[in-house]
């Protein structure tokens, strides 16, 4: 017996991988732009060129390293989403609605985690920008984070919470549901 799910499932899986990869790439690009361009302009100093052009080699290297670490984390989250989705598809078996719910849950979890990671990256990068602006004497009186980064991170945390609840519901549904649900749907097909 072929347990790969057949050509239709493989085609759907391939399409799912492409769509999730594109969604993560677009979200990650938006998050990178908000952390490295928008947030410094809104919360540190509007002259972004002055901030970047006067940075020393150590500060520039720290920003590049932070970006690379963040990108690796995003790639790891995406891979984890693929693996969770694949495992969920194998577990769901021949129940297409449950398989679709598992894939959607994995996608929401990955996108939410990427969005939530914006705040963590901004703490490091934003602090570096602020300290550099202080050295230049152009820093605002108090450090802050732009509303864009805060909202992105908050939406990401909410998406991860929603995915956790949906994942629990998928687990309950995959195990046959609670007893009261099985009794109410016993005669239906």
C-alpha atoms as a PDB file:
ATOM      1  CA  UNK A   1       0.000   0.000   0.000  1.00  0.00           C
ATOM      2  CA  UNK A   2       1.327   3.426  -0.964  1.00  0.00           C
ATOM      3  CA  UNK A   3       1.427   5.527   2.162  1.00  0.00           C
ATOM      4  CA  UNK A   4       2.688   8.730   0.510  1.00  0.00           C
ATOM      5  CA  UNK A   5      -0.887   9.931   0.007  1.00  0.00           C
ATOM      6  CA  UNK A   6      -0.889   9.620  -3.758  1.00  0.00           C
ATOM      7  CA  UNK A   7      -0.208  12.230  -6.433  1.00  0.00           C
ATOM      8  CA  UNK A   8      -3.094  14.532  -5.435  1.00  0.00           C
ATOM      9  CA  UNK A   9      -1.877  14.845  -1.855  1.00  0.00           C
ATOM     10  CA  UNK A  10       1.705  15.358  -3.046  1.00  0.00           C
ATOM     11  CA  UNK A  11       0.563  18.092  -5.452  1.00  0.00           C
ATOM     12  CA  UNK A  12      -1.381  19.799  -2.671  1.00  0.00           C
ATOM     13  CA  UNK A  13       1.604  19.503  -0.345  1.00  0.00           C
ATOM     14  CA  UNK A  14       3.895  21.044  -2.945  1.00  0.00           C
ATOM     15  CA  UNK A  15       1.448  23.901  -3.503  1.00  0.00           C
ATOM     16  CA  UNK A  16       1.170  24.397   0.277  1.00  0.00           C
ATOM     17  CA  UNK A  17       4.958  24.576   0.617  1.00  0.00           C
ATOM     18  CA  UNK A  18       5.205  27.218  -2.095  1.00  0.00           C
ATOM     19  CA  UNK A  19       2.409  29.347  -0.651  1.00  0.00           C
ATOM     20  CA  UNK A  20       3.751  29.182   2.889  1.00  0.00           C
ATOM     21  CA  UNK A  21       7.284  29.979   1.723  1.00  0.00           C
ATOM     22  CA  UNK A  22       6.067  33.023  -0.215  1.00  0.00           C
ATOM     23  CA  UNK A  23       3.930  34.198   2.728  1.00  0.00           C
ATOM     24  CA  UNK A  24       6.850  33.857   5.152  1.00  0.00           C
ATOM     25  CA  UNK A  25       9.231  35.624   2.731  1.00  0.00           C
ATOM     26  CA  UNK A  26       6.836  38.568   2.254  1.00  0.00           C
ATOM     27  CA  UNK A  27       6.203  38.848   5.998  1.00  0.00           C
ATOM     28  CA  UNK A  28       9.915  38.571   6.805  1.00  0.00           C
ATOM     29  CA  UNK A  29      10.762  41.272   4.257  1.00  0.00           C
ATOM     30  CA  UNK A  30       8.165  43.560   5.811  1.00  0.00           C
ATOM     31  CA  UNK A  31       9.511  42.845   9.293  1.00  0.00           C
ATOM     32  CA  UNK A  32      13.107  43.506   8.206  1.00  0.00           C
ATOM     33  CA  UNK A  33      12.089  46.826   6.635  1.00  0.00           C
ATOM     34  CA  UNK A  34      10.163  47.832   9.748  1.00  0.00           C
ATOM     35  CA  UNK A  35      13.071  46.983  12.094  1.00  0.00           C
ATOM     36  CA  UNK A  36      15.950  48.342   9.986  1.00  0.00           C
ATOM     37  CA  UNK A  37      14.255  51.324   8.301  1.00  0.00           C
ATOM     38  CA  UNK A  38      10.845  52.345   9.653  1.00  0.00           C
ATOM     39  CA  UNK A  39      11.418  51.902  13.391  1.00  0.00           C
ATOM     40  CA  UNK A  40      14.708  53.872  13.523  1.00  0.00           C
ATOM     41  CA  UNK A  41      13.080  56.730  11.601  1.00  0.00           C
ATOM     42  CA  UNK A  42       9.993  56.779  13.828  1.00  0.00           C
ATOM     43  CA  UNK A  43      11.577  56.148  17.218  1.00  0.00           C
ATOM     44  CA  UNK A  44      15.251  57.232  17.023  1.00  0.00           C
ATOM     45  CA  UNK A  45      15.879  59.942  14.415  1.00  0.00           C
ATOM     46  CA  UNK A  46      14.306  60.843  11.059  1.00  0.00           C
ATOM     47  CA  UNK A  47      17.718  61.161   9.349  1.00  0.00           C
ATOM     48  CA  UNK A  48      18.335  57.469   8.692  1.00  0.00           C
ATOM     49  CA  UNK A  49      21.271  58.181   6.397  1.00  0.00           C
ATOM     50  CA  UNK A  50      23.081  59.947   9.229  1.00  0.00           C
ATOM     51  CA  UNK A  51      22.516  56.983  11.551  1.00  0.00           C
ATOM     52  CA  UNK A  52      23.787  54.414   9.067  1.00  0.00           C
ATOM     53  CA  UNK A  53      26.657  56.447   7.593  1.00  0.00           C
ATOM     54  CA  UNK A  54      28.225  57.258  10.963  1.00  0.00           C
ATOM     55  CA  UNK A  55      28.043  53.743  12.389  1.00  0.00           C
ATOM     56  CA  UNK A  56      31.342  52.134  13.149  1.00  0.00           C
ATOM     57  CA  UNK A  57      32.404  48.721  11.936  1.00  0.00           C
ATOM     58  CA  UNK A  58      31.407  47.059  15.209  1.00  0.00           C
ATOM     59  CA  UNK A  59      27.867  48.492  15.183  1.00  0.00           C
ATOM     60  CA  UNK A  60      27.394  47.656  11.507  1.00  0.00           C
ATOM     61  CA  UNK A  61      28.657  44.121  12.063  1.00  0.00           C
ATOM     62  CA  UNK A  62      26.336  43.717  15.045  1.00  0.00           C
ATOM     63  CA  UNK A  63      23.368  44.762  12.897  1.00  0.00           C
ATOM     64  CA  UNK A  64      24.355  42.333  10.136  1.00  0.00           C
ATOM     65  CA  UNK A  65      24.850  39.494  12.630  1.00  0.00           C
ATOM     66  CA  UNK A  66      21.472  40.249  14.223  1.00  0.00           C
ATOM     67  CA  UNK A  67      19.856  40.135  10.793  1.00  0.00           C
ATOM     68  CA  UNK A  68      21.522  36.835   9.897  1.00  0.00           C
ATOM     69  CA  UNK A  69      20.548  35.236  13.216  1.00  0.00           C
ATOM     70  CA  UNK A  70      16.996  36.491  12.763  1.00  0.00           C
ATOM     71  CA  UNK A  71      16.869  35.125   9.209  1.00  0.00           C
ATOM     72  CA  UNK A  72      18.138  31.743  10.386  1.00  0.00           C
ATOM     73  CA  UNK A  73      15.454  31.728  13.062  1.00  0.00           C
ATOM     74  CA  UNK A  74      12.797  32.496  10.450  1.00  0.00           C
ATOM     75  CA  UNK A  75      14.093  29.662   8.248  1.00  0.00           C
ATOM     76  CA  UNK A  76      14.012  27.306  11.240  1.00  0.00           C
ATOM     77  CA  UNK A  77      10.444  28.337  12.068  1.00  0.00           C
ATOM     78  CA  UNK A  78       9.400  27.733   8.470  1.00  0.00           C
ATOM     79  CA  UNK A  79      11.032  24.302   8.452  1.00  0.00           C
ATOM     80  CA  UNK A  80       9.323  23.474  11.752  1.00  0.00           C
ATOM     81  CA  UNK A  81       6.006  24.508  10.184  1.00  0.00           C
ATOM     82  CA  UNK A  82       6.642  22.222   7.205  1.00  0.00           C
ATOM     83  CA  UNK A  83       7.505  19.313   9.480  1.00  0.00           C
ATOM     84  CA  UNK A  84       4.495  19.904  11.738  1.00  0.00           C
ATOM     85  CA  UNK A  85       2.230  20.101   8.717  1.00  0.00           C
ATOM     86  CA  UNK A  86       3.731  16.965   7.194  1.00  0.00           C
ATOM     87  CA  UNK A  87       3.368  15.052  10.461  1.00  0.00           C
ATOM     88  CA  UNK A  88      -0.193  16.319  10.806  1.00  0.00           C
ATOM     89  CA  UNK A  89      -1.037  15.193   7.279  1.00  0.00           C
ATOM     90  CA  UNK A  90       0.330  11.729   7.992  1.00  0.00           C
ATOM     91  CA  UNK A  91      -1.601  11.624  11.251  1.00  0.00           C
ATOM     92  CA  UNK A  92      -4.856  12.909   9.690  1.00  0.00           C
ATOM     93  CA  UNK A  93      -4.760  10.089   7.179  1.00  0.00           C
ATOM     94  CA  UNK A  94      -7.661  10.099   4.783  1.00  0.00           C
ATOM     95  CA  UNK A  95      -9.617  12.870   6.524  1.00  0.00           C
ATOM     96  CA  UNK A  96      -9.208  15.830   4.150  1.00  0.00           C
ATOM     97  CA  UNK A  97     -10.892  18.416   6.377  1.00  0.00           C
ATOM     98  CA  UNK A  98      -8.684  17.536   9.310  1.00  0.00           C
ATOM     99  CA  UNK A  99      -5.623  17.594   7.059  1.00  0.00           C
ATOM    100  CA  UNK A 100      -6.591  21.054   5.780  1.00  0.00           C
ATOM    101  CA  UNK A 101      -7.105  22.273   9.356  1.00  0.00           C
ATOM    102  CA  UNK A 102      -3.689  20.938  10.362  1.00  0.00           C
ATOM    103  CA  UNK A 103      -1.999  22.689   7.428  1.00  0.00           C
ATOM    104  CA  UNK A 104      -3.778  25.954   8.193  1.00  0.00           C
ATOM    105  CA  UNK A 105      -2.850  25.706  11.871  1.00  0.00           C
ATOM    106  CA  UNK A 106       0.819  25.132  11.028  1.00  0.00           C
ATOM    107  CA  UNK A 107       0.821  28.103   8.629  1.00  0.00           C
ATOM    108  CA  UNK A 108      -0.791  30.427  11.197  1.00  0.00           C
ATOM    109  CA  UNK A 109       1.710  29.299  13.834  1.00  0.00           C
ATOM    110  CA  UNK A 110       4.706  29.934  11.574  1.00  0.00           C
ATOM    111  CA  UNK A 111       3.490  33.337  10.391  1.00  0.00           C
ATOM    112  CA  UNK A 112       2.605  34.344  13.951  1.00  0.00           C
ATOM    113  CA  UNK A 113       6.011  33.305  15.267  1.00  0.00           C
ATOM    114  CA  UNK A 114       7.759  35.268  12.519  1.00  0.00           C
ATOM    115  CA  UNK A 115       5.681  38.362  13.288  1.00  0.00           C
ATOM    116  CA  UNK A 116       6.261  37.982  17.044  1.00  0.00           C
ATOM    117  CA  UNK A 117      10.015  37.680  16.486  1.00  0.00           C
ATOM    118  CA  UNK A 118      10.005  41.265  15.200  1.00  0.00           C
ATOM    119  CA  UNK A 119       9.969  42.612  18.745  1.00  0.00           C
ATOM    120  CA  UNK A 120      12.890  40.428  19.819  1.00  0.00           C
ATOM    121  CA  UNK A 121      14.973  41.554  16.854  1.00  0.00           C
ATOM    122  CA  UNK A 122      13.974  45.162  17.412  1.00  0.00           C
ATOM    123  CA  UNK A 123      15.113  45.093  21.032  1.00  0.00           C
ATOM    124  CA  UNK A 124      18.654  44.329  19.897  1.00  0.00           C
ATOM    125  CA  UNK A 125      18.778  46.409  16.710  1.00  0.00           C
ATOM    126  CA  UNK A 126      16.702  49.313  18.067  1.00  0.00           C
ATOM    127  CA  UNK A 127      18.828  49.548  21.200  1.00  0.00           C
ATOM    128  CA  UNK A 128      21.936  49.684  19.031  1.00  0.00           C
ATOM    129  CA  UNK A 129      20.442  52.499  16.935  1.00  0.00           C
ATOM    130  CA  UNK A 130      19.398  54.400  20.043  1.00  0.00           C
ATOM    131  CA  UNK A 131      22.823  54.091  21.699  1.00  0.00           C
ATOM    132  CA  UNK A 132      24.474  55.227  18.461  1.00  0.00           C
ATOM    133  CA  UNK A 133      22.110  58.210  18.272  1.00  0.00           C
ATOM    134  CA  UNK A 134      22.987  59.048  21.885  1.00  0.00           C
ATOM    135  CA  UNK A 135      26.688  59.072  20.940  1.00  0.00           C
ATOM    136  CA  UNK A 136      25.854  61.492  18.114  1.00  0.00           C
ATOM    137  CA  UNK A 137      23.772  63.664  20.460  1.00  0.00           C
ATOM    138  CA  UNK A 138      20.594  63.297  18.368  1.00  0.00           C
ATOM    139  CA  UNK A 139      18.724  60.704  20.432  1.00  0.00           C
ATOM    140  CA  UNK A 140      15.196  61.480  21.632  1.00  0.00           C
ATOM    141  CA  UNK A 141      14.738  61.945  25.398  1.00  0.00           C
ATOM    142  CA  UNK A 142      13.481  58.403  25.974  1.00  0.00           C
ATOM    143  CA  UNK A 143      13.929  55.219  24.022  1.00  0.00           C
ATOM    144  CA  UNK A 144      10.839  53.690  22.502  1.00  0.00           C
ATOM    145  CA  UNK A 145       9.630  51.287  19.863  1.00  0.00           C
ATOM    146  CA  UNK A 146       7.429  52.349  16.988  1.00  0.00           C
ATOM    147  CA  UNK A 147       3.766  51.395  17.025  1.00  0.00           C
ATOM    148  CA  UNK A 148       4.287  49.414  13.812  1.00  0.00           C
ATOM    149  CA  UNK A 149       6.716  47.009  15.470  1.00  0.00           C
ATOM    150  CA  UNK A 150       4.569  46.747  18.588  1.00  0.00           C
ATOM    151  CA  UNK A 151       1.404  45.956  16.624  1.00  0.00           C
ATOM    152  CA  UNK A 152       3.237  43.450  14.411  1.00  0.00           C
ATOM    153  CA  UNK A 153       4.569  41.613  17.457  1.00  0.00           C
ATOM    154  CA  UNK A 154       1.194  41.703  19.229  1.00  0.00           C
ATOM    155  CA  UNK A 155      -0.624  40.318  16.185  1.00  0.00           C
ATOM    156  CA  UNK A 156       2.054  37.619  15.946  1.00  0.00           C
ATOM    157  CA  UNK A 157       1.571  36.594  19.582  1.00  0.00           C
ATOM    158  CA  UNK A 158      -2.210  36.443  19.030  1.00  0.00           C
ATOM    159  CA  UNK A 159      -1.696  34.284  15.916  1.00  0.00           C
ATOM    160  CA  UNK A 160       0.515  31.865  17.848  1.00  0.00           C
ATOM    161  CA  UNK A 161      -2.150  31.660  20.576  1.00  0.00           C
ATOM    162  CA  UNK A 162      -4.844  31.036  17.975  1.00  0.00           C
ATOM    163  CA  UNK A 163      -2.713  28.323  16.377  1.00  0.00           C
ATOM    164  CA  UNK A 164      -2.239  26.669  19.780  1.00  0.00           C
ATOM    165  CA  UNK A 165      -6.005  26.552  20.330  1.00  0.00           C
ATOM    166  CA  UNK A 166      -6.619  25.337  16.765  1.00  0.00           C
ATOM    167  CA  UNK A 167      -3.908  22.704  17.144  1.00  0.00           C
ATOM    168  CA  UNK A 168      -5.598  21.436  20.295  1.00  0.00           C
ATOM    169  CA  UNK A 169      -8.912  21.282  18.444  1.00  0.00           C
ATOM    170  CA  UNK A 170      -7.255  19.335  15.612  1.00  0.00           C
ATOM    171  CA  UNK A 171      -5.818  16.908  18.145  1.00  0.00           C
ATOM    172  CA  UNK A 172      -9.203  16.382  19.796  1.00  0.00           C
ATOM    173  CA  UNK A 173     -10.882  15.935  16.401  1.00  0.00           C
ATOM    174  CA  UNK A 174      -8.178  13.537  15.240  1.00  0.00           C
ATOM    175  CA  UNK A 175      -8.561  11.397  18.325  1.00  0.00           C
ATOM    176  CA  UNK A 176     -12.276  11.046  17.658  1.00  0.00           C
ATOM    177  CA  UNK A 177     -13.541  14.003  19.630  1.00  0.00           C
ATOM    178  CA  UNK A 178     -14.931  14.070  23.143  1.00  0.00           C
ATOM    179  CA  UNK A 179     -17.525  11.456  24.149  1.00  0.00           C
ATOM    180  CA  UNK A 180     -20.474  13.869  23.956  1.00  0.00           C
ATOM    181  CA  UNK A 181     -19.496  14.767  20.390  1.00  0.00           C
ATOM    182  CA  UNK A 182     -19.233  11.121  19.346  1.00  0.00           C
ATOM    183  CA  UNK A 183     -22.676  10.379  20.828  1.00  0.00           C
ATOM    184  CA  UNK A 184     -24.315  13.330  19.017  1.00  0.00           C
ATOM    185  CA  UNK A 185     -22.773  12.452  15.650  1.00  0.00           C
ATOM    186  CA  UNK A 186     -22.922   8.662  15.907  1.00  0.00           C
ATOM    187  CA  UNK A 187     -25.762   8.256  13.393  1.00  0.00           C
ATOM    188  CA  UNK A 188     -24.398  10.764  10.842  1.00  0.00           C
ATOM    189  CA  UNK A 189     -21.998   9.926   8.062  1.00  0.00           C
END
